C-alpha cells in the first residue's frame, strides 16, 4: 500500500509538472499569436491609412492643380494684356515722333496748333499705357510667385504620394507573412491545447486514484483503531475479575488469622477448660460459613469470566 502511494504521489508530481509545462507552452504560443495578429492588424491598418492618405493627397493635388490652372490662365491673360499694351505704347511713341516732326515743319499757326494738340494727347495716352503696363507687370509677378508656390506644394504632395505608394508593398509583405505565421501558429496552438487537456485529464485521473487510496487507507486505520479499542475494552473486565479473585481470599484469610488468635486468647482467659466442647461446636459452623463465603466470590468471578469470553 505504501509503495503504491509513493509511486502515485511521484506520478502526480510528474503530471503536475507536465501540465504546467504544457500550460506555459500554450500561453507562450497564445502570446506569439497575439503579437502576429497585432502585427497583421497594424499592417492592414497601415495599408488602409496609406490608401486614405493617398486618396486625400490626390484630392489635394486635384485642388492645387485647379488653383494652379486658374493662376496660370490669369498669368497668361495678364501677359497678353501687357504685350498688347506694349504694342500700343510703341505705336503711340511712333505717332508722337511723327507729330513732333509735323510740329517742327509746320508752315502756319493752325498746323502748329494741331500738331501740339496731337502731341499732348499722345503723351497722355503713352503715360496711361505705361502706368497700365506697370500695374499688369506687378500683377503678373505676384501671380508668377503664387504659381511657383503652388507648383512647390503640388510637387511635395506628389512626392508624398510616391513615398507612400512605395511603402505599400513592404506593408503588404509584412501582412502576408504575419498572416501565414499566424495560421501556422494557430495549428501549433491547437496541438498544445490538446496536450494540455490530455495532461490535465491524466493528472485528474491520477489525483482521484490517489485520493481514493488515501481514503481507503484512512478507513483501514480507523478500523484498526476501533479493533484495538474493542480489544482493550474486552481485556479490562477480565483483569478486574482476576484482581477481585486474588484479592478476596487473601483479605478473608488475613481477617481469619487476625481474628482467630484474639478470640482464642480471650476465650482461654475468660472461660474454663470445661467449655472446649462448646467451642468446637461453635467453631464448626464458623468454618462452614467461611468456606461458603470463600466459594461464593469464586463462583461469581468464574461467571464473570465466562460472560466476558462470550
C-alpha atoms as a PDB file:
ATOM      1  CA  UNK A   1       0.000   0.000   0.000  1.00  0.00           C
ATOM      2  CA  UNK A   2       2.762   2.461   0.948  1.00  0.00           C
ATOM      3  CA  UNK A   3       4.729   1.655  -2.227  1.00  0.00           C
ATOM      4  CA  UNK A   4       1.630   2.248  -4.361  1.00  0.00           C
ATOM      5  CA  UNK A   5       1.001   5.556  -2.580  1.00  0.00           C
ATOM      6  CA  UNK A   6       4.608   6.666  -3.064  1.00  0.00           C
ATOM      7  CA  UNK A   7       4.572   5.782  -6.766  1.00  0.00           C
ATOM      8  CA  UNK A   8       1.215   7.517  -7.220  1.00  0.00           C
ATOM      9  CA  UNK A   9       2.456  10.646  -5.441  1.00  0.00           C
ATOM     10  CA  UNK A  10       5.525  10.731  -7.712  1.00  0.00           C
ATOM     11  CA  UNK A  11       3.285  10.248 -10.739  1.00  0.00           C
ATOM     12  CA  UNK A  12       1.007  13.099  -9.617  1.00  0.00           C
ATOM     13  CA  UNK A  13       4.036  15.393  -9.156  1.00  0.00           C
ATOM     14  CA  UNK A  14       5.333  14.491 -12.633  1.00  0.00           C
ATOM     15  CA  UNK A  15       1.913  15.003 -14.179  1.00  0.00           C
ATOM     16  CA  UNK A  16       1.579  18.389 -12.466  1.00  0.00           C
ATOM     17  CA  UNK A  17       4.950  19.427 -13.878  1.00  0.00           C
ATOM     18  CA  UNK A  18       3.945  18.139 -17.308  1.00  0.00           C
ATOM     19  CA  UNK A  19       0.633  20.047 -17.163  1.00  0.00           C
ATOM     20  CA  UNK A  20       2.444  23.200 -16.032  1.00  0.00           C
ATOM     21  CA  UNK A  21       4.899  22.885 -18.921  1.00  0.00           C
ATOM     22  CA  UNK A  22       2.022  22.343 -21.363  1.00  0.00           C
ATOM     23  CA  UNK A  23       0.223  25.386 -19.923  1.00  0.00           C
ATOM     24  CA  UNK A  24       3.355  27.536 -20.235  1.00  0.00           C
ATOM     25  CA  UNK A  25       3.882  26.428 -23.842  1.00  0.00           C
ATOM     26  CA  UNK A  26       0.234  27.110 -24.650  1.00  0.00           C
ATOM     27  CA  UNK A  27       0.403  30.594 -23.090  1.00  0.00           C
ATOM     28  CA  UNK A  28       3.643  31.327 -24.956  1.00  0.00           C
ATOM     29  CA  UNK A  29       2.020  30.313 -28.252  1.00  0.00           C
ATOM     30  CA  UNK A  30      -1.014  32.463 -27.434  1.00  0.00           C
ATOM     31  CA  UNK A  31       1.221  35.479 -26.789  1.00  0.00           C
ATOM     32  CA  UNK A  32       3.092  34.895 -30.058  1.00  0.00           C
ATOM     33  CA  UNK A  33      -0.191  34.508 -31.908  1.00  0.00           C
ATOM     34  CA  UNK A  34      -1.488  37.744 -30.392  1.00  0.00           C
ATOM     35  CA  UNK A  35       1.697  39.533 -31.466  1.00  0.00           C
ATOM     36  CA  UNK A  36       1.414  38.192 -35.018  1.00  0.00           C
ATOM     37  CA  UNK A  37      -2.246  39.135 -35.255  1.00  0.00           C
ATOM     38  CA  UNK A  38      -1.458  42.560 -33.850  1.00  0.00           C
ATOM     39  CA  UNK A  39       1.273  42.961 -36.487  1.00  0.00           C
ATOM     40  CA  UNK A  40      -1.156  41.838 -39.175  1.00  0.00           C
ATOM     41  CA  UNK A  41      -3.772  44.310 -37.930  1.00  0.00           C
ATOM     42  CA  UNK A  42      -1.196  47.114 -37.829  1.00  0.00           C
ATOM     43  CA  UNK A  43      -0.027  46.281 -41.352  1.00  0.00           C
ATOM     44  CA  UNK A  44      -3.595  46.159 -42.624  1.00  0.00           C
ATOM     45  CA  UNK A  45      -4.431  49.379 -40.795  1.00  0.00           C
ATOM     46  CA  UNK A  46      -1.265  50.956 -42.202  1.00  0.00           C
ATOM     47  CA  UNK A  47      -2.256  49.952 -45.718  1.00  0.00           C
ATOM     48  CA  UNK A  48      -5.737  51.387 -45.288  1.00  0.00           C
ATOM     49  CA  UNK A  49      -4.262  54.536 -43.764  1.00  0.00           C
ATOM     50  CA  UNK A  50      -1.846  54.912 -46.677  1.00  0.00           C
ATOM     51  CA  UNK A  51      -4.660  54.389 -49.152  1.00  0.00           C
ATOM     52  CA  UNK A  52      -6.735  57.033 -47.381  1.00  0.00           C
ATOM     53  CA  UNK A  53      -3.786  59.429 -47.292  1.00  0.00           C
ATOM     54  CA  UNK A  54      -3.024  58.849 -50.959  1.00  0.00           C
ATOM     55  CA  UNK A  55      -6.649  59.464 -51.858  1.00  0.00           C
ATOM     56  CA  UNK A  56      -6.733  62.605 -49.713  1.00  0.00           C
ATOM     57  CA  UNK A  57      -3.463  63.847 -51.163  1.00  0.00           C
ATOM     58  CA  UNK A  58      -4.666  63.114 -54.660  1.00  0.00           C
ATOM     59  CA  UNK A  59      -7.697  65.245 -53.891  1.00  0.00           C
ATOM     60  CA  UNK A  60      -5.328  67.938 -52.616  1.00  0.00           C
ATOM     61  CA  UNK A  61      -3.309  67.640 -55.805  1.00  0.00           C
ATOM     62  CA  UNK A  62      -6.516  67.997 -57.808  1.00  0.00           C
ATOM     63  CA  UNK A  63      -7.471  71.101 -55.830  1.00  0.00           C
ATOM     64  CA  UNK A  64      -3.974  72.541 -56.137  1.00  0.00           C
ATOM     65  CA  UNK A  65      -3.936  71.740 -59.828  1.00  0.00           C
ATOM     66  CA  UNK A  66      -7.238  73.571 -60.203  1.00  0.00           C
ATOM     67  CA  UNK A  67      -5.856  76.632 -58.434  1.00  0.00           C
ATOM     68  CA  UNK A  68      -2.652  76.341 -60.451  1.00  0.00           C
ATOM     69  CA  UNK A  69      -4.562  76.202 -63.708  1.00  0.00           C
ATOM     70  CA  UNK A  70      -6.592  79.216 -62.649  1.00  0.00           C
ATOM     71  CA  UNK A  71      -3.486  81.207 -61.714  1.00  0.00           C
ATOM     72  CA  UNK A  72      -1.704  80.129 -64.878  1.00  0.00           C
ATOM     73  CA  UNK A  73      -4.607  81.257 -67.024  1.00  0.00           C
ATOM     74  CA  UNK A  74      -4.656  84.578 -65.133  1.00  0.00           C
ATOM     75  CA  UNK A  75      -0.935  84.986 -65.701  1.00  0.00           C
ATOM     76  CA  UNK A  76      -1.287  84.195 -69.385  1.00  0.00           C
ATOM     77  CA  UNK A  77      -4.123  86.727 -69.683  1.00  0.00           C
ATOM     78  CA  UNK A  78      -2.071  89.424 -67.930  1.00  0.00           C
ATOM     79  CA  UNK A  79       0.921  88.654 -70.099  1.00  0.00           C
ATOM     80  CA  UNK A  80      -1.274  89.041 -73.193  1.00  0.00           C
ATOM     81  CA  UNK A  81      -2.564  92.382 -71.871  1.00  0.00           C
ATOM     82  CA  UNK A  82       0.989  93.543 -71.195  1.00  0.00           C
ATOM     83  CA  UNK A  83       2.036  92.515 -74.678  1.00  0.00           C
ATOM     84  CA  UNK A  84      -0.941  94.362 -76.180  1.00  0.00           C
ATOM     85  CA  UNK A  85      -0.194  97.470 -74.086  1.00  0.00           C
ATOM     86  CA  UNK A  86       3.443  97.369 -75.183  1.00  0.00           C
ATOM     87  CA  UNK A  87       2.363  97.189 -78.814  1.00  0.00           C
ATOM     88  CA  UNK A  88       0.038 100.158 -78.365  1.00  0.00           C
ATOM     89  CA  UNK A  89       2.748 102.026 -76.482  1.00  0.00           C
ATOM     90  CA  UNK A  90       5.198 101.501 -79.314  1.00  0.00           C
ATOM     91  CA  UNK A  91       2.570 102.644 -81.798  1.00  0.00           C
ATOM     92  CA  UNK A  92       1.841 105.760 -79.749  1.00  0.00           C
ATOM     93  CA  UNK A  93       5.534 106.504 -79.495  1.00  0.00           C
ATOM     94  CA  UNK A  94       5.854 106.304 -83.268  1.00  0.00           C
ATOM     95  CA  UNK A  95       2.850 108.628 -83.637  1.00  0.00           C
ATOM     96  CA  UNK A  96       4.422 111.020 -81.162  1.00  0.00           C
ATOM     97  CA  UNK A  97       7.613 111.113 -83.219  1.00  0.00           C
ATOM     98  CA  UNK A  98       5.638 111.824 -86.380  1.00  0.00           C
ATOM     99  CA  UNK A  99       3.658 114.647 -84.794  1.00  0.00           C
ATOM    100  CA  UNK A 100       6.787 116.151 -83.323  1.00  0.00           C
ATOM    101  CA  UNK A 101       8.212 116.232 -86.851  1.00  0.00           C
ATOM    102  CA  UNK A 102       4.996 117.826 -88.155  1.00  0.00           C
ATOM    103  CA  UNK A 103       5.260 120.453 -85.430  1.00  0.00           C
ATOM    104  CA  UNK A 104       8.804 121.158 -86.438  1.00  0.00           C
ATOM    105  CA  UNK A 105       7.875 121.575 -90.111  1.00  0.00           C
ATOM    106  CA  UNK A 106       4.556 123.417 -89.559  1.00  0.00           C
ATOM    107  CA  UNK A 107       4.004 126.173 -92.136  1.00  0.00           C
ATOM    108  CA  UNK A 108       1.289 128.107 -90.369  1.00  0.00           C
ATOM    109  CA  UNK A 109      -0.005 128.567 -86.791  1.00  0.00           C
ATOM    110  CA  UNK A 110      -3.003 126.317 -87.396  1.00  0.00           C
ATOM    111  CA  UNK A 111      -0.847 123.316 -88.341  1.00  0.00           C
ATOM    112  CA  UNK A 112       1.413 124.051 -85.386  1.00  0.00           C
ATOM    113  CA  UNK A 113      -1.586 124.143 -83.011  1.00  0.00           C
ATOM    114  CA  UNK A 114      -2.989 120.859 -84.373  1.00  0.00           C
ATOM    115  CA  UNK A 115       0.377 119.180 -84.049  1.00  0.00           C
ATOM    116  CA  UNK A 116       0.769 120.351 -80.422  1.00  0.00           C
ATOM    117  CA  UNK A 117      -2.724 119.093 -79.557  1.00  0.00           C
ATOM    118  CA  UNK A 118      -1.985 115.691 -81.061  1.00  0.00           C
ATOM    119  CA  UNK A 119       1.365 115.523 -79.283  1.00  0.00           C
ATOM    120  CA  UNK A 120      -0.263 116.287 -75.907  1.00  0.00           C
ATOM    121  CA  UNK A 121      -2.970 113.677 -76.485  1.00  0.00           C
ATOM    122  CA  UNK A 122      -0.440 111.026 -77.490  1.00  0.00           C
ATOM    123  CA  UNK A 123       1.763 111.811 -74.494  1.00  0.00           C
ATOM    124  CA  UNK A 124      -1.219 111.386 -72.126  1.00  0.00           C
ATOM    125  CA  UNK A 125      -2.059 108.095 -73.802  1.00  0.00           C
ATOM    126  CA  UNK A 126       1.550 106.944 -73.526  1.00  0.00           C
ATOM    127  CA  UNK A 127       1.546 107.718 -69.781  1.00  0.00           C
ATOM    128  CA  UNK A 128      -1.677 105.752 -69.324  1.00  0.00           C
ATOM    129  CA  UNK A 129      -0.247 102.796 -71.222  1.00  0.00           C
ATOM    130  CA  UNK A 130       2.995 102.869 -69.247  1.00  0.00           C
ATOM    131  CA  UNK A 131       1.047 103.002 -65.968  1.00  0.00           C
ATOM    132  CA  UNK A 132      -1.167 100.126 -67.112  1.00  0.00           C
ATOM    133  CA  UNK A 133       1.866  98.070 -68.129  1.00  0.00           C
ATOM    134  CA  UNK A 134       3.495  98.648 -64.706  1.00  0.00           C
ATOM    135  CA  UNK A 135       0.331  97.531 -62.877  1.00  0.00           C
ATOM    136  CA  UNK A 136      -0.028  94.476 -65.136  1.00  0.00           C
ATOM    137  CA  UNK A 137       3.607  93.564 -64.656  1.00  0.00           C
ATOM    138  CA  UNK A 138       3.215  93.748 -60.835  1.00  0.00           C
ATOM    139  CA  UNK A 139       0.147  91.522 -61.040  1.00  0.00           C
ATOM    140  CA  UNK A 140       1.989  89.127 -63.339  1.00  0.00           C
ATOM    141  CA  UNK A 141       4.923  88.974 -60.916  1.00  0.00           C
ATOM    142  CA  UNK A 142       2.601  88.259 -57.967  1.00  0.00           C
ATOM    143  CA  UNK A 143       0.752  85.553 -59.862  1.00  0.00           C
ATOM    144  CA  UNK A 144       4.045  84.077 -61.044  1.00  0.00           C
ATOM    145  CA  UNK A 145       5.197  83.804 -57.401  1.00  0.00           C
ATOM    146  CA  UNK A 146       1.889  82.190 -56.442  1.00  0.00           C
ATOM    147  CA  UNK A 147       2.171  79.743 -59.321  1.00  0.00           C
ATOM    148  CA  UNK A 148       5.694  78.834 -58.182  1.00  0.00           C
ATOM    149  CA  UNK A 149       4.449  78.231 -54.612  1.00  0.00           C
ATOM    150  CA  UNK A 150       1.528  76.170 -55.853  1.00  0.00           C
ATOM    151  CA  UNK A 151       3.888  74.134 -58.007  1.00  0.00           C
ATOM    152  CA  UNK A 152       6.077  73.505 -54.940  1.00  0.00           C
ATOM    153  CA  UNK A 153       3.053  72.359 -52.932  1.00  0.00           C
ATOM    154  CA  UNK A 154       1.942  70.139 -55.766  1.00  0.00           C
ATOM    155  CA  UNK A 155       5.438  68.695 -56.101  1.00  0.00           C
ATOM    156  CA  UNK A 156       5.630  67.959 -52.347  1.00  0.00           C
ATOM    157  CA  UNK A 157       2.237  66.258 -52.369  1.00  0.00           C
ATOM    158  CA  UNK A 158       3.241  64.205 -55.396  1.00  0.00           C
ATOM    159  CA  UNK A 159       6.476  63.183 -53.614  1.00  0.00           C
ATOM    160  CA  UNK A 160       4.471  62.108 -50.552  1.00  0.00           C
ATOM    161  CA  UNK A 161       2.149  60.066 -52.723  1.00  0.00           C
ATOM    162  CA  UNK A 162       5.129  58.353 -54.352  1.00  0.00           C
ATOM    163  CA  UNK A 163       6.766  57.573 -50.972  1.00  0.00           C
ATOM    164  CA  UNK A 164       3.543  56.215 -49.540  1.00  0.00           C
ATOM    165  CA  UNK A 165       2.946  54.172 -52.666  1.00  0.00           C
ATOM    166  CA  UNK A 166       6.457  52.714 -52.271  1.00  0.00           C
ATOM    167  CA  UNK A 167       5.792  51.772 -48.619  1.00  0.00           C
ATOM    168  CA  UNK A 168       2.679  49.790 -49.546  1.00  0.00           C
ATOM    169  CA  UNK A 169       4.492  46.692 -50.898  1.00  0.00           C
ATOM    170  CA  UNK A 170       6.544  46.268 -47.693  1.00  0.00           C
ATOM    171  CA  UNK A 171       3.392  46.545 -45.592  1.00  0.00           C
ATOM    172  CA  UNK A 172       1.666  44.023 -47.839  1.00  0.00           C
ATOM    173  CA  UNK A 173       4.587  41.628 -47.391  1.00  0.00           C
ATOM    174  CA  UNK A 174       4.503  42.087 -43.595  1.00  0.00           C
ATOM    175  CA  UNK A 175       0.775  41.498 -43.511  1.00  0.00           C
ATOM    176  CA  UNK A 176       1.046  38.385 -45.689  1.00  0.00           C
ATOM    177  CA  UNK A 177       3.976  36.978 -43.675  1.00  0.00           C
ATOM    178  CA  UNK A 178       2.275  37.615 -40.326  1.00  0.00           C
ATOM    179  CA  UNK A 179      -0.939  36.045 -41.623  1.00  0.00           C
ATOM    180  CA  UNK A 180       0.871  32.876 -42.743  1.00  0.00           C
ATOM    181  CA  UNK A 181       2.794  32.682 -39.459  1.00  0.00           C
ATOM    182  CA  UNK A 182      -0.456  33.180 -37.508  1.00  0.00           C
ATOM    183  CA  UNK A 183      -2.138  30.351 -39.428  1.00  0.00           C
ATOM    184  CA  UNK A 184       0.801  28.041 -38.725  1.00  0.00           C
ATOM    185  CA  UNK A 185       0.921  29.053 -35.062  1.00  0.00           C
ATOM    186  CA  UNK A 186      -2.842  28.530 -34.727  1.00  0.00           C
ATOM    187  CA  UNK A 187      -2.394  24.873 -35.689  1.00  0.00           C
ATOM    188  CA  UNK A 188       0.507  24.549 -33.251  1.00  0.00           C
ATOM    189  CA  UNK A 189      -1.608  26.185 -30.537  1.00  0.00           C
ATOM    190  CA  UNK A 190      -4.385  23.654 -31.118  1.00  0.00           C
ATOM    191  CA  UNK A 191      -1.883  20.816 -30.597  1.00  0.00           C
ATOM    192  CA  UNK A 192      -0.538  22.404 -27.427  1.00  0.00           C
ATOM    193  CA  UNK A 193      -4.057  22.982 -26.106  1.00  0.00           C
ATOM    194  CA  UNK A 194      -4.874  19.310 -26.716  1.00  0.00           C
ATOM    195  CA  UNK A 195      -1.639  18.270 -24.989  1.00  0.00           C
ATOM    196  CA  UNK A 196      -2.533  20.471 -22.010  1.00  0.00           C
ATOM    197  CA  UNK A 197      -6.032  18.964 -21.858  1.00  0.00           C
ATOM    198  CA  UNK A 198      -4.586  15.424 -22.004  1.00  0.00           C
ATOM    199  CA  UNK A 199      -2.101  16.250 -19.225  1.00  0.00           C
ATOM    200  CA  UNK A 200      -4.906  17.760 -17.115  1.00  0.00           C
ATOM    201  CA  UNK A 201      -7.056  14.666 -17.677  1.00  0.00           C
ATOM    202  CA  UNK A 202      -4.214  12.320 -16.707  1.00  0.00           C
ATOM    203  CA  UNK A 203      -3.481  14.444 -13.627  1.00  0.00           C
ATOM    204  CA  UNK A 204      -7.139  14.422 -12.620  1.00  0.00           C
ATOM    205  CA  UNK A 205      -7.297  10.638 -13.010  1.00  0.00           C
ATOM    206  CA  UNK A 206      -4.108  10.071 -11.008  1.00  0.00           C
ATOM    207  CA  UNK A 207      -5.227  12.541  -8.316  1.00  0.00           C
ATOM    208  CA  UNK A 208      -8.631  10.854  -7.981  1.00  0.00           C
ATOM    209  CA  UNK A 209      -6.929   7.429  -7.714  1.00  0.00           C
ATOM    210  CA  UNK A 210      -4.570   8.790  -5.072  1.00  0.00           C
ATOM    211  CA  UNK A 211      -7.456  10.334  -3.130  1.00  0.00           C
ATOM    212  CA  UNK A 212      -9.373   7.053  -3.279  1.00  0.00           C
ATOM    213  CA  UNK A 213      -6.382   5.101  -1.941  1.00  0.00           C
ATOM    214  CA  UNK A 214      -5.807   7.675   0.801  1.00  0.00           C
ATOM    215  CA  UNK A 215      -9.477   7.464   1.769  1.00  0.00           C
ATOM    216  CA  UNK A 216      -9.214   3.662   1.854  1.00  0.00           C
ATOM    217  CA  UNK A 217      -6.085   3.916   3.989  1.00  0.00           C
ATOM    218  CA  UNK A 218      -7.808   6.281   6.420  1.00  0.00           C
ATOM    219  CA  UNK A 219     -10.751   3.900   6.606  1.00  0.00           C
ATOM    220  CA  UNK A 220      -8.469   0.931   7.351  1.00  0.00           C
ATOM    221  CA  UNK A 221      -6.610   2.894  10.025  1.00  0.00           C
ATOM    222  CA  UNK A 222      -9.939   3.798  11.631  1.00  0.00           C
ATOM    223  CA  UNK A 223     -10.991   0.117  11.585  1.00  0.00           C
ATOM    224  CA  UNK A 224      -7.678  -0.926  13.178  1.00  0.00           C
ATOM    225  CA  UNK A 225      -8.066   1.726  15.853  1.00  0.00           C
ATOM    226  CA  UNK A 226     -11.621   0.523  16.527  1.00  0.00           C
ATOM    227  CA  UNK A 227     -10.418  -3.106  16.834  1.00  0.00           C
ATOM    228  CA  UNK A 228      -7.682  -2.105  19.267  1.00  0.00           C
ATOM    229  CA  UNK A 229     -10.185  -0.158  21.341  1.00  0.00           C
ATOM    230  CA  UNK A 230     -12.573  -3.146  21.428  1.00  0.00           C
ATOM    231  CA  UNK A 231      -9.726  -5.484  22.493  1.00  0.00           C
ATOM    232  CA  UNK A 232      -8.761  -3.120  25.301  1.00  0.00           C
ATOM    233  CA  UNK A 233     -12.363  -2.998  26.452  1.00  0.00           C
ATOM    234  CA  UNK A 234     -12.648  -6.843  26.424  1.00  0.00           C
ATOM    235  CA  UNK A 235      -9.371  -7.261  28.349  1.00  0.00           C
ATOM    236  CA  UNK A 236     -10.246  -4.719  31.051  1.00  0.00           C
ATOM    237  CA  UNK A 237     -13.149  -6.714  32.705  1.00  0.00           C
ATOM    238  CA  UNK A 238     -11.070  -9.906  32.710  1.00  0.00           C
ATOM    239  CA  UNK A 239      -8.219  -8.179  34.542  1.00  0.00           C
ATOM    240  CA  UNK A 240     -10.646  -6.692  37.057  1.00  0.00           C
ATOM    241  CA  UNK A 241     -12.180 -10.138  37.703  1.00  0.00           C
ATOM    242  CA  UNK A 242      -8.757 -11.754  38.237  1.00  0.00           C
ATOM    243  CA  UNK A 243      -7.796  -8.930  40.578  1.00  0.00           C
ATOM    244  CA  UNK A 244     -11.004  -9.473  42.571  1.00  0.00           C
ATOM    245  CA  UNK A 245     -10.281 -13.234  42.771  1.00  0.00           C
ATOM    246  CA  UNK A 246      -6.775 -12.756  44.008  1.00  0.00           C
ATOM    247  CA  UNK A 247      -7.675 -10.017  46.473  1.00  0.00           C
ATOM    248  CA  UNK A 248     -10.858 -11.509  48.061  1.00  0.00           C
ATOM    249  CA  UNK A 249      -9.433 -14.800  49.561  1.00  0.00           C
ATOM    250  CA  UNK A 250      -6.295 -13.048  50.758  1.00  0.00           C
ATOM    251  CA  UNK A 251      -8.312 -10.461  52.648  1.00  0.00           C
ATOM    252  CA  UNK A 252     -10.549 -13.118  54.221  1.00  0.00           C
ATOM    253  CA  UNK A 253      -7.596 -15.286  55.204  1.00  0.00           C
ATOM    254  CA  UNK A 254      -5.859 -12.347  56.849  1.00  0.00           C
ATOM    255  CA  UNK A 255      -9.049 -11.436  58.651  1.00  0.00           C
ATOM    256  CA  UNK A 256      -9.447 -15.033  59.910  1.00  0.00           C
ATOM    257  CA  UNK A 257      -5.829 -15.195  61.054  1.00  0.00           C
ATOM    258  CA  UNK A 258      -6.049 -11.903  62.892  1.00  0.00           C
ATOM    259  CA  UNK A 259      -9.387 -12.662  64.490  1.00  0.00           C
ATOM    260  CA  UNK A 260      -8.809 -16.322  65.428  1.00  0.00           C
ATOM    261  CA  UNK A 261      -5.884 -15.961  67.929  1.00  0.00           C
ATOM    262  CA  UNK A 262      -7.530 -12.982  69.610  1.00  0.00           C
ATOM    263  CA  UNK A 263     -10.739 -14.890  70.122  1.00  0.00           C
ATOM    264  CA  UNK A 264      -8.887 -17.948  71.378  1.00  0.00           C
ATOM    265  CA  UNK A 265      -6.874 -15.901  73.845  1.00  0.00           C
ATOM    266  CA  UNK A 266      -9.933 -14.150  75.203  1.00  0.00           C
ATOM    267  CA  UNK A 267     -11.820 -17.386  75.409  1.00  0.00           C
ATOM    268  CA  UNK A 268      -8.970 -19.100  77.241  1.00  0.00           C
ATOM    269  CA  UNK A 269      -8.787 -16.300  79.761  1.00  0.00           C
ATOM    270  CA  UNK A 270     -12.489 -15.911  80.396  1.00  0.00           C
ATOM    271  CA  UNK A 271     -13.720 -19.466  80.055  1.00  0.00           C
ATOM    272  CA  UNK A 272     -12.762 -22.701  81.757  1.00  0.00           C
ATOM    273  CA  UNK A 273     -11.350 -25.810  80.099  1.00  0.00           C
ATOM    274  CA  UNK A 274     -14.716 -27.418  80.500  1.00  0.00           C
ATOM    275  CA  UNK A 275     -16.103 -25.282  77.710  1.00  0.00           C
ATOM    276  CA  UNK A 276     -13.847 -26.795  74.976  1.00  0.00           C
ATOM    277  CA  UNK A 277     -16.652 -28.958  73.667  1.00  0.00           C
ATOM    278  CA  UNK A 278     -18.891 -25.985  73.210  1.00  0.00           C
ATOM    279  CA  UNK A 279     -16.038 -24.127  71.419  1.00  0.00           C
ATOM    280  CA  UNK A 280     -15.635 -26.998  68.987  1.00  0.00           C
ATOM    281  CA  UNK A 281     -19.320 -26.867  68.209  1.00  0.00           C
ATOM    282  CA  UNK A 282     -19.242 -23.131  67.708  1.00  0.00           C
ATOM    283  CA  UNK A 283     -16.104 -23.303  65.517  1.00  0.00           C
ATOM    284  CA  UNK A 284     -17.537 -25.911  63.162  1.00  0.00           C
ATOM    285  CA  UNK A 285     -20.371 -23.746  61.840  1.00  0.00           C
ATOM    286  CA  UNK A 286     -17.958 -20.811  61.578  1.00  0.00           C
ATOM    287  CA  UNK A 287     -15.619 -22.800  59.360  1.00  0.00           C
ATOM    288  CA  UNK A 288     -18.505 -23.868  57.139  1.00  0.00           C
ATOM    289  CA  UNK A 289     -19.656 -20.274  56.811  1.00  0.00           C
ATOM    290  CA  UNK A 290     -16.145 -19.150  55.922  1.00  0.00           C
ATOM    291  CA  UNK A 291     -15.917 -21.892  53.320  1.00  0.00           C
ATOM    292  CA  UNK A 292     -19.237 -20.799  51.817  1.00  0.00           C
ATOM    293  CA  UNK A 293     -18.068 -17.183  51.745  1.00  0.00           C
ATOM    294  CA  UNK A 294     -14.795 -18.103  50.051  1.00  0.00           C
ATOM    295  CA  UNK A 295     -16.603 -20.223  47.479  1.00  0.00           C
ATOM    296  CA  UNK A 296     -19.216 -17.548  46.645  1.00  0.00           C
ATOM    297  CA  UNK A 297     -16.782 -14.924  45.242  1.00  0.00           C
ATOM    298  CA  UNK A 298     -15.001 -17.639  43.300  1.00  0.00           C
ATOM    299  CA  UNK A 299     -18.247 -18.675  41.637  1.00  0.00           C
ATOM    300  CA  UNK A 300     -19.124 -15.057  40.843  1.00  0.00           C
ATOM    301  CA  UNK A 301     -15.687 -14.455  39.339  1.00  0.00           C
ATOM    302  CA  UNK A 302     -15.947 -17.601  37.208  1.00  0.00           C
ATOM    303  CA  UNK A 303     -19.376 -16.444  35.984  1.00  0.00           C
ATOM    304  CA  UNK A 304     -17.945 -13.013  35.069  1.00  0.00           C
ATOM    305  CA  UNK A 305     -15.073 -14.667  33.170  1.00  0.00           C
ATOM    306  CA  UNK A 306     -17.434 -16.846  31.192  1.00  0.00           C
ATOM    307  CA  UNK A 307     -19.613 -13.844  30.322  1.00  0.00           C
ATOM    308  CA  UNK A 308     -16.655 -11.748  29.162  1.00  0.00           C
ATOM    309  CA  UNK A 309     -15.432 -14.631  26.971  1.00  0.00           C
ATOM    310  CA  UNK A 310     -18.859 -14.945  25.420  1.00  0.00           C
END
